[in-house]
Amino acid sequence: MNLREIQVQPVTRHEEQQFQELMQMHHYLGRLPKISETLWYTVRWHEQWIALLSFSASAWKCSARDKWIGWSPRHQYDRLKLVVNNSRFLILPDWHIPNLGSRVLSLCHKRLPTDWKNIFGHPVLLLETFVDPLHFHGTVYKAANWQYLGNTKGFRRNGKGYRPRDGAFWADLLHQIRSTRRG
């Protein structure tokens, strides 16, 4: 497979059910509903789906991220919409090949800011994700030049607020979106 032949495309309405079914079957956290600002992508090689990604509104609170950014609490909630969470990343079975993950993240990094601004009306300045160290090491994010910011307290949002994640701590990784426009 030539990695230059893969494409990242937004999920269309008629593809949403298939996206959710594959996420439920193959991602250890299962499917993820569209809540608030969310974009889903497929990664395709010759029209074959090889990976799935979800980007959504950022975590409301994350001390490692918030400290790194340096926003005061007063400004944080106004500017939090500029941070987007890579809430799911799934390489489908039989497609785990060298460098695919970092290539996918690179293509998303190039495409996401334009899609996000066109759909939601505001820019993206930072991408974040959380890696469960009980399952992963964050290697693909490190290979794609994401910056490790530290561990979180392991809480996750659910319909009734926040709850502990059974003692697991999540590594917070961040990737800064740099403008590629030339003056």
C-alpha atoms as a PDB file:
ATOM      1  CA  MET A   1       0.000   0.000   0.000  1.00  0.00           C
ATOM      2  CA  ASN A   2       1.240   3.456  -0.911  1.00  0.00           C
ATOM      3  CA  LEU A   3       0.374   5.800   1.972  1.00  0.00           C
ATOM      4  CA  ARG A   4       0.116   8.691  -0.479  1.00  0.00           C
ATOM      5  CA  GLU A   5      -2.994   7.043  -1.924  1.00  0.00           C
ATOM      6  CA  ILE A   6      -5.051   7.246   1.260  1.00  0.00           C
ATOM      7  CA  GLN A   7      -7.680   9.944   1.665  1.00  0.00           C
ATOM      8  CA  VAL A   8      -9.466  11.405   4.677  1.00  0.00           C
ATOM      9  CA  GLN A   9     -13.123  12.188   4.009  1.00  0.00           C
ATOM     10  CA  PRO A  10     -15.980  13.385   6.202  1.00  0.00           C
ATOM     11  CA  VAL A  11     -18.645  10.798   6.954  1.00  0.00           C
ATOM     12  CA  THR A  12     -21.833  11.491   5.013  1.00  0.00           C
ATOM     13  CA  ARG A  13     -25.290  11.100   6.556  1.00  0.00           C
ATOM     14  CA  HIS A  14     -25.882   7.800   4.803  1.00  0.00           C
ATOM     15  CA  GLU A  15     -22.524   6.475   6.127  1.00  0.00           C
ATOM     16  CA  GLU A  16     -23.145   7.375   9.798  1.00  0.00           C
ATOM     17  CA  GLN A  17     -24.741   4.066  10.755  1.00  0.00           C
ATOM     18  CA  GLN A  18     -21.870   2.055   9.271  1.00  0.00           C
ATOM     19  CA  PHE A  19     -19.366   4.337  11.013  1.00  0.00           C
ATOM     20  CA  GLN A  20     -21.080   3.805  14.383  1.00  0.00           C
ATOM     21  CA  GLU A  21     -21.369   0.036  13.897  1.00  0.00           C
ATOM     22  CA  LEU A  22     -17.665  -0.296  13.084  1.00  0.00           C
ATOM     23  CA  MET A  23     -16.716   1.922  16.016  1.00  0.00           C
ATOM     24  CA  GLN A  24     -18.878  -0.190  18.344  1.00  0.00           C
ATOM     25  CA  MET A  25     -17.409  -3.455  17.062  1.00  0.00           C
ATOM     26  CA  HIS A  26     -13.742  -2.500  16.970  1.00  0.00           C
ATOM     27  CA  HIS A  27     -12.964   0.433  19.323  1.00  0.00           C
ATOM     28  CA  TYR A  28     -12.383  -0.503  22.946  1.00  0.00           C
ATOM     29  CA  LEU A  29     -14.575   2.403  24.108  1.00  0.00           C
ATOM     30  CA  GLY A  30     -17.307   1.677  21.569  1.00  0.00           C
ATOM     31  CA  ARG A  31     -19.420   4.100  19.601  1.00  0.00           C
ATOM     32  CA  LEU A  32     -19.571   7.778  20.370  1.00  0.00           C
ATOM     33  CA  PRO A  33     -22.685   9.888  19.791  1.00  0.00           C
ATOM     34  CA  LYS A  34     -22.471  13.231  18.063  1.00  0.00           C
ATOM     35  CA  ILE A  35     -22.763  15.748  20.864  1.00  0.00           C
ATOM     36  CA  SER A  36     -22.236  19.440  20.294  1.00  0.00           C
ATOM     37  CA  GLU A  37     -19.569  20.155  17.670  1.00  0.00           C
ATOM     38  CA  THR A  38     -18.421  16.835  16.201  1.00  0.00           C
ATOM     39  CA  LEU A  39     -16.910  15.734  12.887  1.00  0.00           C
ATOM     40  CA  TRP A  40     -16.434  12.122  11.861  1.00  0.00           C
ATOM     41  CA  TYR A  41     -13.935  11.032   9.225  1.00  0.00           C
ATOM     42  CA  THR A  42     -13.174   7.865   7.310  1.00  0.00           C
ATOM     43  CA  VAL A  43      -9.755   7.081   5.956  1.00  0.00           C
ATOM     44  CA  ARG A  44      -9.974   5.336   2.605  1.00  0.00           C
ATOM     45  CA  TRP A  45      -7.648   3.483   0.308  1.00  0.00           C
ATOM     46  CA  HIS A  46      -9.251   2.910  -3.083  1.00  0.00           C
ATOM     47  CA  GLU A  47     -12.707   3.440  -1.480  1.00  0.00           C
ATOM     48  CA  GLN A  48     -11.996   0.790   1.179  1.00  0.00           C
ATOM     49  CA  TRP A  49     -12.439   2.097   4.737  1.00  0.00           C
ATOM     50  CA  ILE A  50      -9.226   1.522   6.659  1.00  0.00           C
ATOM     51  CA  ALA A  51      -9.571   3.861   9.661  1.00  0.00           C
ATOM     52  CA  LEU A  52     -12.150   5.998  11.471  1.00  0.00           C
ATOM     53  CA  LEU A  53     -11.725   9.191  13.479  1.00  0.00           C
ATOM     54  CA  SER A  54     -13.940  11.428  15.547  1.00  0.00           C
ATOM     55  CA  PHE A  55     -13.159  15.029  16.488  1.00  0.00           C
ATOM     56  CA  SER A  56     -15.376  16.807  18.983  1.00  0.00           C
ATOM     57  CA  ALA A  57     -15.596  19.650  21.452  1.00  0.00           C
ATOM     58  CA  SER A  58     -12.702  19.719  23.895  1.00  0.00           C
ATOM     59  CA  ALA A  59     -12.769  18.489  27.461  1.00  0.00           C
ATOM     60  CA  TRP A  60     -14.170  21.179  29.721  1.00  0.00           C
ATOM     61  CA  LYS A  61     -11.396  20.867  32.249  1.00  0.00           C
ATOM     62  CA  CYS A  62      -7.970  19.387  31.970  1.00  0.00           C
ATOM     63  CA  SER A  63      -5.400  20.794  34.356  1.00  0.00           C
ATOM     64  CA  ALA A  64      -2.351  19.803  32.264  1.00  0.00           C
ATOM     65  CA  ARG A  65      -3.786  21.450  29.143  1.00  0.00           C
ATOM     66  CA  ASP A  66      -5.144  24.481  30.947  1.00  0.00           C
ATOM     67  CA  LYS A  67      -1.828  25.094  32.696  1.00  0.00           C
ATOM     68  CA  TRP A  68       0.093  24.685  29.403  1.00  0.00           C
ATOM     69  CA  ILE A  69      -2.173  27.165  27.592  1.00  0.00           C
ATOM     70  CA  GLY A  70      -2.086  29.612  30.481  1.00  0.00           C
ATOM     71  CA  TRP A  71      -5.605  30.976  30.089  1.00  0.00           C
ATOM     72  CA  SER A  72      -7.214  32.474  33.124  1.00  0.00           C
ATOM     73  CA  PRO A  73     -10.457  30.792  34.200  1.00  0.00           C
ATOM     74  CA  ARG A  74     -12.267  33.908  32.970  1.00  0.00           C
ATOM     75  CA  HIS A  75     -10.984  33.456  29.418  1.00  0.00           C
ATOM     76  CA  GLN A  76     -10.956  29.672  29.343  1.00  0.00           C
ATOM     77  CA  TYR A  77     -14.646  29.103  28.654  1.00  0.00           C
ATOM     78  CA  ASP A  78     -14.769  31.733  25.910  1.00  0.00           C
ATOM     79  CA  ARG A  79     -11.757  30.248  24.147  1.00  0.00           C
ATOM     80  CA  LEU A  80     -12.267  26.543  24.816  1.00  0.00           C
ATOM     81  CA  LYS A  81     -14.079  26.188  21.500  1.00  0.00           C
ATOM     82  CA  LEU A  82     -10.696  26.748  19.788  1.00  0.00           C
ATOM     83  CA  VAL A  83      -9.488  23.401  21.172  1.00  0.00           C
ATOM     84  CA  VAL A  84     -10.780  20.228  19.485  1.00  0.00           C
ATOM     85  CA  ASN A  85     -10.577  16.732  20.931  1.00  0.00           C
ATOM     86  CA  ASN A  86      -9.575  13.717  18.847  1.00  0.00           C
ATOM     87  CA  SER A  87     -12.160  11.637  20.691  1.00  0.00           C
ATOM     88  CA  ARG A  88     -11.755   8.399  18.714  1.00  0.00           C
ATOM     89  CA  PHE A  89      -9.059   6.984  16.453  1.00  0.00           C
ATOM     90  CA  LEU A  90      -9.560   3.500  15.108  1.00  0.00           C
ATOM     91  CA  ILE A  91      -7.440   1.695  12.563  1.00  0.00           C
ATOM     92  CA  LEU A  92      -9.645  -1.119  11.344  1.00  0.00           C
ATOM     93  CA  PRO A  93      -8.485  -4.756  11.635  1.00  0.00           C
ATOM     94  CA  ASP A  94      -6.173  -5.946   8.866  1.00  0.00           C
ATOM     95  CA  TRP A  95      -4.934  -2.388   8.240  1.00  0.00           C
ATOM     96  CA  HIS A  96      -2.278  -2.030  10.928  1.00  0.00           C
ATOM     97  CA  ILE A  97       0.684  -1.155   8.740  1.00  0.00           C
ATOM     98  CA  PRO A  98       3.796   0.913   9.540  1.00  0.00           C
ATOM     99  CA  ASN A  99       3.356   4.695   9.470  1.00  0.00           C
ATOM    100  CA  LEU A 100      -0.385   4.588   8.690  1.00  0.00           C
ATOM    101  CA  GLY A 101      -1.407   6.175  11.988  1.00  0.00           C
ATOM    102  CA  SER A 102       0.938   9.152  11.765  1.00  0.00           C
ATOM    103  CA  ARG A 103       0.038   9.654   8.086  1.00  0.00           C
ATOM    104  CA  VAL A 104      -3.667   9.713   9.002  1.00  0.00           C
ATOM    105  CA  LEU A 105      -3.082  12.250  11.778  1.00  0.00           C
ATOM    106  CA  SER A 106      -1.069  14.408   9.379  1.00  0.00           C
ATOM    107  CA  LEU A 107      -3.878  14.375   6.802  1.00  0.00           C
ATOM    108  CA  CYS A 108      -6.449  15.218   9.484  1.00  0.00           C
ATOM    109  CA  HIS A 109      -4.249  18.042  10.756  1.00  0.00           C
ATOM    110  CA  LYS A 110      -4.271  19.544   7.260  1.00  0.00           C
ATOM    111  CA  ARG A 111      -7.984  19.080   6.597  1.00  0.00           C
ATOM    112  CA  LEU A 112      -9.707  19.591   9.954  1.00  0.00           C
ATOM    113  CA  PRO A 113      -9.234  23.364  10.443  1.00  0.00           C
ATOM    114  CA  THR A 114     -10.945  24.199   7.147  1.00  0.00           C
ATOM    115  CA  ASP A 115     -13.784  21.715   7.658  1.00  0.00           C
ATOM    116  CA  TRP A 116     -14.321  22.892  11.239  1.00  0.00           C
ATOM    117  CA  LYS A 117     -14.436  26.566  10.298  1.00  0.00           C
ATOM    118  CA  ASN A 118     -16.810  25.901   7.384  1.00  0.00           C
ATOM    119  CA  ILE A 119     -19.209  23.849   9.499  1.00  0.00           C
ATOM    120  CA  PHE A 120     -18.997  25.452  12.950  1.00  0.00           C
ATOM    121  CA  GLY A 121     -17.905  28.988  12.057  1.00  0.00           C
ATOM    122  CA  HIS A 122     -14.776  29.290  14.182  1.00  0.00           C
ATOM    123  CA  PRO A 123     -11.125  28.289  13.885  1.00  0.00           C
ATOM    124  CA  VAL A 124      -9.246  25.451  15.536  1.00  0.00           C
ATOM    125  CA  LEU A 125      -5.981  26.377  17.254  1.00  0.00           C
ATOM    126  CA  LEU A 126      -5.186  23.199  19.174  1.00  0.00           C
ATOM    127  CA  LEU A 127      -5.985  19.514  18.984  1.00  0.00           C
ATOM    128  CA  GLU A 128      -6.047  17.368  22.110  1.00  0.00           C
ATOM    129  CA  THR A 129      -6.499  13.700  22.834  1.00  0.00           C
ATOM    130  CA  PHE A 130      -6.370  11.395  25.814  1.00  0.00           C
ATOM    131  CA  VAL A 131      -4.533   8.091  25.767  1.00  0.00           C
ATOM    132  CA  ASP A 132      -5.380   5.387  28.281  1.00  0.00           C
ATOM    133  CA  PRO A 133      -1.992   4.000  29.403  1.00  0.00           C
ATOM    134  CA  LEU A 134      -3.630   0.724  30.411  1.00  0.00           C
ATOM    135  CA  HIS A 135      -4.188   0.079  26.707  1.00  0.00           C
ATOM    136  CA  PHE A 136      -1.796   2.302  24.713  1.00  0.00           C
ATOM    137  CA  HIS A 137       1.447   4.286  24.850  1.00  0.00           C
ATOM    138  CA  GLY A 138       0.502   7.190  22.560  1.00  0.00           C
ATOM    139  CA  THR A 139       3.198   6.188  20.083  1.00  0.00           C
ATOM    140  CA  VAL A 140       1.243   7.220  16.988  1.00  0.00           C
ATOM    141  CA  TYR A 141       0.645  10.688  18.456  1.00  0.00           C
ATOM    142  CA  LYS A 142       4.295  11.081  19.391  1.00  0.00           C
ATOM    143  CA  ALA A 143       5.259  10.055  15.842  1.00  0.00           C
ATOM    144  CA  ALA A 144       2.919  12.757  14.531  1.00  0.00           C
ATOM    145  CA  ASN A 145       4.635  15.414  16.716  1.00  0.00           C
ATOM    146  CA  TRP A 146       1.933  15.777  19.337  1.00  0.00           C
ATOM    147  CA  GLN A 147       3.198  17.063  22.666  1.00  0.00           C
ATOM    148  CA  TYR A 148       2.709  15.104  25.889  1.00  0.00           C
ATOM    149  CA  LEU A 149       1.413  17.443  28.601  1.00  0.00           C
ATOM    150  CA  GLY A 150       0.958  15.128  31.558  1.00  0.00           C
ATOM    151  CA  ASN A 151      -1.529  12.836  33.222  1.00  0.00           C
ATOM    152  CA  THR A 152      -5.097  13.685  34.070  1.00  0.00           C
ATOM    153  CA  LYS A 153      -6.992  12.643  37.168  1.00  0.00           C
ATOM    154  CA  GLY A 154      -8.774   9.972  35.184  1.00  0.00           C
ATOM    155  CA  PHE A 155     -12.295  11.414  35.215  1.00  0.00           C
ATOM    156  CA  ARG A 156     -14.549  11.124  32.231  1.00  0.00           C
ATOM    157  CA  ARG A 157     -17.770  12.862  31.328  1.00  0.00           C
ATOM    158  CA  ASN A 158     -21.023  10.964  31.285  1.00  0.00           C
ATOM    159  CA  GLY A 159     -24.697  11.989  31.247  1.00  0.00           C
ATOM    160  CA  LYS A 160     -24.680  12.723  34.984  1.00  0.00           C
ATOM    161  CA  GLY A 161     -21.447  14.696  35.244  1.00  0.00           C
ATOM    162  CA  TYR A 162     -17.963  13.307  35.799  1.00  0.00           C
ATOM    163  CA  ARG A 163     -16.984   9.923  37.168  1.00  0.00           C
ATOM    164  CA  PRO A 164     -13.641   8.257  37.905  1.00  0.00           C
ATOM    165  CA  ARG A 165     -12.225   6.032  35.182  1.00  0.00           C
ATOM    166  CA  ASP A 166     -11.566   3.033  37.461  1.00  0.00           C
ATOM    167  CA  GLY A 167      -8.164   4.318  38.557  1.00  0.00           C
ATOM    168  CA  ALA A 168      -6.872   4.789  35.028  1.00  0.00           C
ATOM    169  CA  PHE A 169      -5.011   7.982  34.268  1.00  0.00           C
ATOM    170  CA  TRP A 170      -5.133   9.465  30.821  1.00  0.00           C
ATOM    171  CA  ALA A 171      -2.190  11.074  29.178  1.00  0.00           C
ATOM    172  CA  ASP A 172      -3.067  14.423  27.681  1.00  0.00           C
ATOM    173  CA  LEU A 173      -1.483  15.037  24.302  1.00  0.00           C
ATOM    174  CA  LEU A 174      -1.769  18.254  22.390  1.00  0.00           C
ATOM    175  CA  HIS A 175      -0.995  19.320  18.855  1.00  0.00           C
ATOM    176  CA  GLN A 176      -0.811  22.952  17.867  1.00  0.00           C
ATOM    177  CA  ILE A 177      -2.400  23.968  14.588  1.00  0.00           C
ATOM    178  CA  ARG A 178      -0.094  26.318  12.743  1.00  0.00           C
ATOM    179  CA  SER A 179      -1.380  28.525  10.008  1.00  0.00           C
ATOM    180  CA  THR A 180      -0.092  27.508   6.600  1.00  0.00           C
ATOM    181  CA  ARG A 181      -1.297  30.660   4.850  1.00  0.00           C
ATOM    182  CA  ARG A 182       1.361  32.680   3.189  1.00  0.00           C
ATOM    183  CA  GLY A 183       1.111  36.440   3.381  1.00  0.00           C
END
